[in-house]
Amino acid sequence: MALLSALIPSPAADAAHDSAHETAARFQQGAYSVPCPECHVPAGVLCLARRNMHAARRALYRRNPKTTGLVPLLVGRTR
């Protein structure tokens, strides 16, 4: 039965997958921190292909990844 649920996604799994992509895009994490060279959307915006990310965007991110941890985001800039 567990194998069958892996083959046939449920609405809850679809929602969780969409939510994960939207969260990564909103906070510009991973490949969503660079603009997409294929569909020409800016950084922090989902690709126009539904529930997919273009390979060119992933390749662009892998060439020069941004490493921003959680602590710099929570701690304000010092004056």
PDB file of N, CA and C in Angstrom:
ATOM      1  N   MET A   1       0.817  -1.184   0.000  1.00  0.00           N
ATOM      2  CA  MET A   1       0.000   0.000   0.000  1.00  0.00           C
ATOM      3  C   MET A   1       0.867   1.256   0.000  1.00  0.00           C
ATOM      4  N   ALA A   2       1.982   1.265   0.727  1.00  0.00           N
ATOM      5  CA  ALA A   2       2.854   2.433   0.772  1.00  0.00           C
ATOM      6  C   ALA A   2       3.464   2.708  -0.591  1.00  0.00           C
ATOM      7  N   LEU A   3       3.738   1.647  -1.337  1.00  0.00           N
ATOM      8  CA  LEU A   3       4.295   1.809  -2.678  1.00  0.00           C
ATOM      9  C   LEU A   3       3.276   2.450  -3.607  1.00  0.00           C
ATOM     10  N   LEU A   4       2.027   2.120  -3.440  1.00  0.00           N
ATOM     11  CA  LEU A   4       0.968   2.694  -4.261  1.00  0.00           C
ATOM     12  C   LEU A   4       0.816   4.191  -4.001  1.00  0.00           C
ATOM     13  N   SER A   5       0.972   4.617  -2.750  1.00  0.00           N
ATOM     14  CA  SER A   5       0.837   6.040  -2.444  1.00  0.00           C
ATOM     15  C   SER A   5       1.995   6.852  -3.009  1.00  0.00           C
ATOM     16  N   ALA A   6       3.144   6.204  -3.225  1.00  0.00           N
ATOM     17  CA  ALA A   6       4.272   6.902  -3.844  1.00  0.00           C
ATOM     18  C   ALA A   6       4.034   7.103  -5.335  1.00  0.00           C
ATOM     19  N   LEU A   7       3.278   6.205  -5.951  1.00  0.00           N
ATOM     20  CA  LEU A   7       3.009   6.308  -7.381  1.00  0.00           C
ATOM     21  C   LEU A   7       1.842   7.236  -7.693  1.00  0.00           C
ATOM     22  N   ILE A   8       0.860   7.258  -6.829  1.00  0.00           N
ATOM     23  CA  ILE A   8      -0.328   8.085  -7.036  1.00  0.00           C
ATOM     24  C   ILE A   8      -0.319   9.197  -5.987  1.00  0.00           C
ATOM     25  N   PRO A   9       0.099  10.413  -6.376  1.00  0.00           N
ATOM     26  CA  PRO A   9       0.178  11.488  -5.379  1.00  0.00           C
ATOM     27  C   PRO A   9      -1.196  11.923  -4.907  1.00  0.00           C
ATOM     28  N   SER A  10      -1.260  12.281  -3.660  1.00  0.00           N
ATOM     29  CA  SER A  10      -2.518  12.745  -3.083  1.00  0.00           C
ATOM     30  C   SER A  10      -2.599  14.262  -3.194  1.00  0.00           C
ATOM     31  N   PRO A  11      -3.781  14.844  -3.038  1.00  0.00           N
ATOM     32  CA  PRO A  11      -3.898  16.305  -3.043  1.00  0.00           C
ATOM     33  C   PRO A  11      -3.049  16.972  -1.953  1.00  0.00           C
ATOM     34  N   ALA A  12      -2.900  16.300  -0.822  1.00  0.00           N
ATOM     35  CA  ALA A  12      -2.076  16.862   0.247  1.00  0.00           C
ATOM     36  C   ALA A  12      -0.606  16.906  -0.156  1.00  0.00           C
ATOM     37  N   ALA A  13      -0.144  15.872  -0.847  1.00  0.00           N
ATOM     38  CA  ALA A  13       1.246  15.853  -1.307  1.00  0.00           C
ATOM     39  C   ALA A  13       1.469  16.935  -2.354  1.00  0.00           C
ATOM     40  N   ASP A  14       0.489  17.139  -3.244  1.00  0.00           N
ATOM     41  CA  ASP A  14       0.587  18.198  -4.245  1.00  0.00           C
ATOM     42  C   ASP A  14       0.664  19.570  -3.584  1.00  0.00           C
ATOM     43  N   ALA A  15      -0.144  19.794  -2.582  1.00  0.00           N
ATOM     44  CA  ALA A  15      -0.148  21.072  -1.878  1.00  0.00           C
ATOM     45  C   ALA A  15       1.172  21.296  -1.145  1.00  0.00           C
ATOM     46  N   ALA A  16       1.714  20.251  -0.546  1.00  0.00           N
ATOM     47  CA  ALA A  16       2.985  20.373   0.163  1.00  0.00           C
ATOM     48  C   ALA A  16       4.122  20.679  -0.809  1.00  0.00           C
ATOM     49  N   HIS A  17       4.092  20.047  -1.976  1.00  0.00           N
ATOM     50  CA  HIS A  17       5.114  20.292  -2.992  1.00  0.00           C
ATOM     51  C   HIS A  17       5.047  21.733  -3.495  1.00  0.00           C
ATOM     52  N   ASP A  18       3.850  22.207  -3.799  1.00  0.00           N
ATOM     53  CA  ASP A  18       3.671  23.593  -4.244  1.00  0.00           C
ATOM     54  C   ASP A  18       4.105  24.579  -3.158  1.00  0.00           C
ATOM     55  N   SER A  19       3.779  24.274  -1.933  1.00  0.00           N
ATOM     56  CA  SER A  19       4.124  25.147  -0.817  1.00  0.00           C
ATOM     57  C   SER A  19       5.637  25.230  -0.626  1.00  0.00           C
ATOM     58  N   ALA A  20       6.320  24.118  -0.796  1.00  0.00           N
ATOM     59  CA  ALA A  20       7.779  24.115  -0.658  1.00  0.00           C
ATOM     60  C   ALA A  20       8.421  24.996  -1.722  1.00  0.00           C
ATOM     61  N   HIS A  21       7.945  24.911  -2.961  1.00  0.00           N
ATOM     62  CA  HIS A  21       8.481  25.754  -4.037  1.00  0.00           C
ATOM     63  C   HIS A  21       8.167  27.227  -3.776  1.00  0.00           C
ATOM     64  N   GLU A  22       6.960  27.533  -3.346  1.00  0.00           N
ATOM     65  CA  GLU A  22       6.579  28.930  -3.097  1.00  0.00           C
ATOM     66  C   GLU A  22       7.375  29.527  -1.940  1.00  0.00           C
ATOM     67  N   THR A  23       7.634  28.731  -0.906  1.00  0.00           N
ATOM     68  CA  THR A  23       8.412  29.219   0.225  1.00  0.00           C
ATOM     69  C   THR A  23       9.852  29.499  -0.182  1.00  0.00           C
ATOM     70  N   ALA A  24      10.450  28.585  -0.952  1.00  0.00           N
ATOM     71  CA  ALA A  24      11.825  28.796  -1.418  1.00  0.00           C
ATOM     72  C   ALA A  24      11.913  30.029  -2.311  1.00  0.00           C
ATOM     73  N   ALA A  25      10.923  30.234  -3.153  1.00  0.00           N
ATOM     74  CA  ALA A  25      10.926  31.410  -4.028  1.00  0.00           C
ATOM     75  C   ALA A  25      10.726  32.687  -3.226  1.00  0.00           C
ATOM     76  N   ARG A  26       9.832  32.653  -2.260  1.00  0.00           N
ATOM     77  CA  ARG A  26       9.539  33.856  -1.476  1.00  0.00           C
ATOM     78  C   ARG A  26      10.761  34.349  -0.709  1.00  0.00           C
ATOM     79  N   PHE A  27      11.519  33.419  -0.150  1.00  0.00           N
ATOM     80  CA  PHE A  27      12.696  33.794   0.619  1.00  0.00           C
ATOM     81  C   PHE A  27      13.978  33.722  -0.206  1.00  0.00           C
ATOM     82  N   GLN A  28      13.846  33.548  -1.506  1.00  0.00           N
ATOM     83  CA  GLN A  28      14.961  33.508  -2.457  1.00  0.00           C
ATOM     84  C   GLN A  28      16.041  32.534  -2.012  1.00  0.00           C
ATOM     85  N   GLN A  29      15.628  31.305  -1.753  1.00  0.00           N
ATOM     86  CA  GLN A  29      16.552  30.269  -1.331  1.00  0.00           C
ATOM     87  C   GLN A  29      16.898  29.384  -2.513  1.00  0.00           C
ATOM     88  N   GLY A  30      18.117  28.876  -2.501  1.00  0.00           N
ATOM     89  CA  GLY A  30      18.552  27.954  -3.544  1.00  0.00           C
ATOM     90  C   GLY A  30      18.542  28.602  -4.908  1.00  0.00           C
ATOM     91  N   ALA A  31      18.073  27.876  -5.886  1.00  0.00           N
ATOM     92  CA  ALA A  31      18.083  28.372  -7.263  1.00  0.00           C
ATOM     93  C   ALA A  31      17.120  29.535  -7.469  1.00  0.00           C
ATOM     94  N   TYR A  32      16.211  29.757  -6.528  1.00  0.00           N
ATOM     95  CA  TYR A  32      15.298  30.895  -6.657  1.00  0.00           C
ATOM     96  C   TYR A  32      15.976  32.220  -6.301  1.00  0.00           C
ATOM     97  N   SER A  33      17.251  32.187  -5.925  1.00  0.00           N
ATOM     98  CA  SER A  33      17.972  33.412  -5.617  1.00  0.00           C
ATOM     99  C   SER A  33      18.574  34.056  -6.866  1.00  0.00           C
ATOM    100  N   VAL A  34      18.441  33.400  -8.011  1.00  0.00           N
ATOM    101  CA  VAL A  34      18.943  33.957  -9.275  1.00  0.00           C
ATOM    102  C   VAL A  34      17.784  34.059 -10.270  1.00  0.00           C
ATOM    103  N   PRO A  35      17.850  34.993 -11.220  1.00  0.00           N
ATOM    104  CA  PRO A  35      16.789  35.081 -12.226  1.00  0.00           C
ATOM    105  C   PRO A  35      16.861  33.900 -13.201  1.00  0.00           C
ATOM    106  N   CYS A  36      15.741  33.555 -13.795  1.00  0.00           N
ATOM    107  CA  CYS A  36      15.693  32.436 -14.734  1.00  0.00           C
ATOM    108  C   CYS A  36      16.051  32.925 -16.135  1.00  0.00           C
ATOM    109  N   PRO A  37      17.088  32.353 -16.748  1.00  0.00           N
ATOM    110  CA  PRO A  37      17.461  32.780 -18.094  1.00  0.00           C
ATOM    111  C   PRO A  37      16.517  32.263 -19.177  1.00  0.00           C
ATOM    112  N   GLU A  38      15.688  31.269 -18.878  1.00  0.00           N
ATOM    113  CA  GLU A  38      14.794  30.725 -19.909  1.00  0.00           C
ATOM    114  C   GLU A  38      13.457  31.445 -19.972  1.00  0.00           C
ATOM    115  N   CYS A  39      12.795  31.618 -18.823  1.00  0.00           N
ATOM    116  CA  CYS A  39      11.484  32.285 -18.855  1.00  0.00           C
ATOM    117  C   CYS A  39      11.577  33.750 -18.424  1.00  0.00           C
ATOM    118  N   HIS A  40      12.798  34.218 -18.106  1.00  0.00           N
ATOM    119  CA  HIS A  40      13.081  35.635 -17.831  1.00  0.00           C
ATOM    120  C   HIS A  40      12.300  36.216 -16.655  1.00  0.00           C
ATOM    121  N   VAL A  41      12.091  35.423 -15.620  1.00  0.00           N
ATOM    122  CA  VAL A  41      11.477  35.944 -14.402  1.00  0.00           C
ATOM    123  C   VAL A  41      12.599  36.362 -13.457  1.00  0.00           C
ATOM    124  N   PRO A  42      12.375  37.378 -12.623  1.00  0.00           N
ATOM    125  CA  PRO A  42      13.435  37.817 -11.707  1.00  0.00           C
ATOM    126  C   PRO A  42      13.644  36.828 -10.558  1.00  0.00           C
ATOM    127  N   ALA A  43      14.683  37.060  -9.795  1.00  0.00           N
ATOM    128  CA  ALA A  43      14.965  36.223  -8.631  1.00  0.00           C
ATOM    129  C   ALA A  43      13.815  36.323  -7.644  1.00  0.00           C
ATOM    130  N   GLY A  44      13.480  35.226  -7.015  1.00  0.00           N
ATOM    131  CA  GLY A  44      12.402  35.210  -6.038  1.00  0.00           C
ATOM    132  C   GLY A  44      11.030  34.969  -6.638  1.00  0.00           C
ATOM    133  N   VAL A  45      10.965  34.647  -7.917  1.00  0.00           N
ATOM    134  CA  VAL A  45       9.687  34.392  -8.593  1.00  0.00           C
ATOM    135  C   VAL A  45       9.737  32.974  -9.162  1.00  0.00           C
ATOM    136  N   LEU A  46       8.609  32.275  -9.058  1.00  0.00           N
ATOM    137  CA  LEU A  46       8.526  30.926  -9.612  1.00  0.00           C
ATOM    138  C   LEU A  46       8.688  30.955 -11.125  1.00  0.00           C
ATOM    139  N   CYS A  47       9.274  29.907 -11.687  1.00  0.00           N
ATOM    140  CA  CYS A  47       9.368  29.783 -13.143  1.00  0.00           C
ATOM    141  C   CYS A  47       7.960  29.636 -13.712  1.00  0.00           C
ATOM    142  N   LEU A  48       7.811  29.977 -14.971  1.00  0.00           N
ATOM    143  CA  LEU A  48       6.490  29.926 -15.595  1.00  0.00           C
ATOM    144  C   LEU A  48       6.007  28.495 -15.812  1.00  0.00           C
ATOM    145  N   ALA A  49       6.917  27.534 -15.837  1.00  0.00           N
ATOM    146  CA  ALA A  49       6.527  26.129 -15.927  1.00  0.00           C
ATOM    147  C   ALA A  49       5.979  25.710 -14.563  1.00  0.00           C
ATOM    148  N   ARG A  50       4.781  25.191 -14.514  1.00  0.00           N
ATOM    149  CA  ARG A  50       4.143  24.857 -13.237  1.00  0.00           C
ATOM    150  C   ARG A  50       4.873  23.720 -12.533  1.00  0.00           C
ATOM    151  N   ARG A  51       5.174  23.926 -11.265  1.00  0.00           N
ATOM    152  CA  ARG A  51       5.802  22.915 -10.406  1.00  0.00           C
ATOM    153  C   ARG A  51       7.111  22.388 -10.982  1.00  0.00           C
ATOM    154  N   ASN A  52       7.848  23.272 -11.630  1.00  0.00           N
ATOM    155  CA  ASN A  52       9.100  22.865 -12.230  1.00  0.00           C
ATOM    156  C   ASN A  52      10.048  24.049 -12.214  1.00  0.00           C
ATOM    157  N   MET A  53      11.311  23.769 -12.255  1.00  0.00           N
ATOM    158  CA  MET A  53      12.317  24.811 -12.340  1.00  0.00           C
ATOM    159  C   MET A  53      13.183  24.483 -13.544  1.00  0.00           C
ATOM    160  N   HIS A  54      13.501  25.478 -14.333  1.00  0.00           N
ATOM    161  CA  HIS A  54      14.303  25.240 -15.526  1.00  0.00           C
ATOM    162  C   HIS A  54      15.729  24.829 -15.140  1.00  0.00           C
ATOM    163  N   ALA A  55      16.296  23.930 -15.929  1.00  0.00           N
ATOM    164  CA  ALA A  55      17.647  23.435 -15.659  1.00  0.00           C
ATOM    165  C   ALA A  55      18.675  24.553 -15.769  1.00  0.00           C
ATOM    166  N   ALA A  56      18.437  25.521 -16.642  1.00  0.00           N
ATOM    167  CA  ALA A  56      19.374  26.641 -16.791  1.00  0.00           C
ATOM    168  C   ALA A  56      19.437  27.476 -15.508  1.00  0.00           C
ATOM    169  N   ARG A  57      18.326  27.591 -14.811  1.00  0.00           N
ATOM    170  CA  ARG A  57      18.305  28.344 -13.550  1.00  0.00           C
ATOM    171  C   ARG A  57      19.105  27.613 -12.492  1.00  0.00           C
ATOM    172  N   ARG A  58      18.949  26.297 -12.414  1.00  0.00           N
ATOM    173  CA  ARG A  58      19.727  25.514 -11.458  1.00  0.00           C
ATOM    174  C   ARG A  58      21.221  25.604 -11.778  1.00  0.00           C
ATOM    175  N   ALA A  59      21.561  25.530 -13.068  1.00  0.00           N
ATOM    176  CA  ALA A  59      22.968  25.595 -13.468  1.00  0.00           C
ATOM    177  C   ALA A  59      23.573  26.954 -13.138  1.00  0.00           C
ATOM    178  N   LEU A  60      22.812  28.025 -13.345  1.00  0.00           N
ATOM    179  CA  LEU A  60      23.284  29.372 -13.017  1.00  0.00           C
ATOM    180  C   LEU A  60      23.538  29.507 -11.525  1.00  0.00           C
ATOM    181  N   TYR A  61      22.663  28.949 -10.703  1.00  0.00           N
ATOM    182  CA  TYR A  61      22.834  28.995  -9.253  1.00  0.00           C
ATOM    183  C   TYR A  61      24.050  28.168  -8.821  1.00  0.00           C
ATOM    184  N   ARG A  62      24.232  27.017  -9.410  1.00  0.00           N
ATOM    185  CA  ARG A  62      25.337  26.138  -9.011  1.00  0.00           C
ATOM    186  C   ARG A  62      26.695  26.733  -9.359  1.00  0.00           C
ATOM    187  N   ARG A  63      26.746  27.601 -10.371  1.00  0.00           N
ATOM    188  CA  ARG A  63      28.013  28.248 -10.716  1.00  0.00           C
ATOM    189  C   ARG A  63      28.450  29.243  -9.647  1.00  0.00           C
ATOM    190  N   ASN A  64      27.494  29.930  -9.017  1.00  0.00           N
ATOM    191  CA  ASN A  64      27.816  30.947  -8.023  1.00  0.00           C
ATOM    192  C   ASN A  64      26.749  30.961  -6.929  1.00  0.00           C
ATOM    193  N   PRO A  65      26.749  29.967  -6.039  1.00  0.00           N
ATOM    194  CA  PRO A  65      25.700  29.913  -5.007  1.00  0.00           C
ATOM    195  C   PRO A  65      25.884  30.988  -3.957  1.00  0.00           C
ATOM    196  N   LYS A  66      24.767  31.518  -3.483  1.00  0.00           N
ATOM    197  CA  LYS A  66      24.790  32.468  -2.379  1.00  0.00           C
ATOM    198  C   LYS A  66      24.652  31.683  -1.087  1.00  0.00           C
ATOM    199  N   THR A  67      25.506  31.965  -0.127  1.00  0.00           N
ATOM    200  CA  THR A  67      25.422  31.269   1.152  1.00  0.00           C
ATOM    201  C   THR A  67      24.992  32.268   2.214  1.00  0.00           C
ATOM    202  N   THR A  68      23.722  32.306   2.474  1.00  0.00           N
ATOM    203  CA  THR A  68      23.165  33.159   3.517  1.00  0.00           C
ATOM    204  C   THR A  68      22.497  32.258   4.542  1.00  0.00           C
ATOM    205  N   GLY A  69      22.992  32.321   5.745  1.00  0.00           N
ATOM    206  CA  GLY A  69      22.416  31.497   6.802  1.00  0.00           C
ATOM    207  C   GLY A  69      21.216  32.168   7.426  1.00  0.00           C
ATOM    208  N   LEU A  70      20.609  31.500   8.357  1.00  0.00           N
ATOM    209  CA  LEU A  70      19.422  32.016   9.019  1.00  0.00           C
ATOM    210  C   LEU A  70      19.766  33.157   9.975  1.00  0.00           C
ATOM    211  N   VAL A  71      20.898  33.076  10.638  1.00  0.00           N
ATOM    212  CA  VAL A  71      21.256  34.080  11.644  1.00  0.00           C
ATOM    213  C   VAL A  71      21.397  35.478  11.038  1.00  0.00           C
ATOM    214  N   PRO A  72      22.099  35.671   9.898  1.00  0.00           N
ATOM    215  CA  PRO A  72      22.164  37.025   9.340  1.00  0.00           C
ATOM    216  C   PRO A  72      20.796  37.597   8.970  1.00  0.00           C
ATOM    217  N   LEU A  73      19.849  36.750   8.646  1.00  0.00           N
ATOM    218  CA  LEU A  73      18.519  37.238   8.316  1.00  0.00           C
ATOM    219  C   LEU A  73      17.764  37.707   9.564  1.00  0.00           C
ATOM    220  N   LEU A  74      18.017  37.059  10.699  1.00  0.00           N
ATOM    221  CA  LEU A  74      17.300  37.390  11.925  1.00  0.00           C
ATOM    222  C   LEU A  74      17.948  38.548  12.685  1.00  0.00           C
ATOM    223  N   VAL A  75      19.242  38.699  12.529  1.00  0.00           N
ATOM    224  CA  VAL A  75      19.960  39.756  13.233  1.00  0.00           C
ATOM    225  C   VAL A  75      20.051  40.962  12.303  1.00  0.00           C
ATOM    226  N   GLY A  76      19.606  42.105  12.765  1.00  0.00           N
ATOM    227  CA  GLY A  76      19.638  43.309  11.945  1.00  0.00           C
ATOM    228  C   GLY A  76      21.063  43.794  11.701  1.00  0.00           C
ATOM    229  N   ARG A  77      21.192  44.626  10.702  1.00  0.00           N
ATOM    230  CA  ARG A  77      22.516  45.192  10.413  1.00  0.00           C
ATOM    231  C   ARG A  77      22.923  46.139  11.520  1.00  0.00           C
ATOM    232  N   THR A  78      24.195  46.125  11.833  1.00  0.00           N
ATOM    233  CA  THR A  78      24.699  47.050  12.861  1.00  0.00           C
ATOM    234  C   THR A  78      25.056  48.371  12.192  1.00  0.00           C
ATOM    235  N   ARG A  79      24.903  49.420  12.932  1.00  0.00           N
ATOM    236  CA  ARG A  79      25.185  50.751  12.360  1.00  0.00           C
ATOM    237  C   ARG A  79      26.585  51.160  12.643  1.00  0.00           C
TER     238      ARG A  79
END
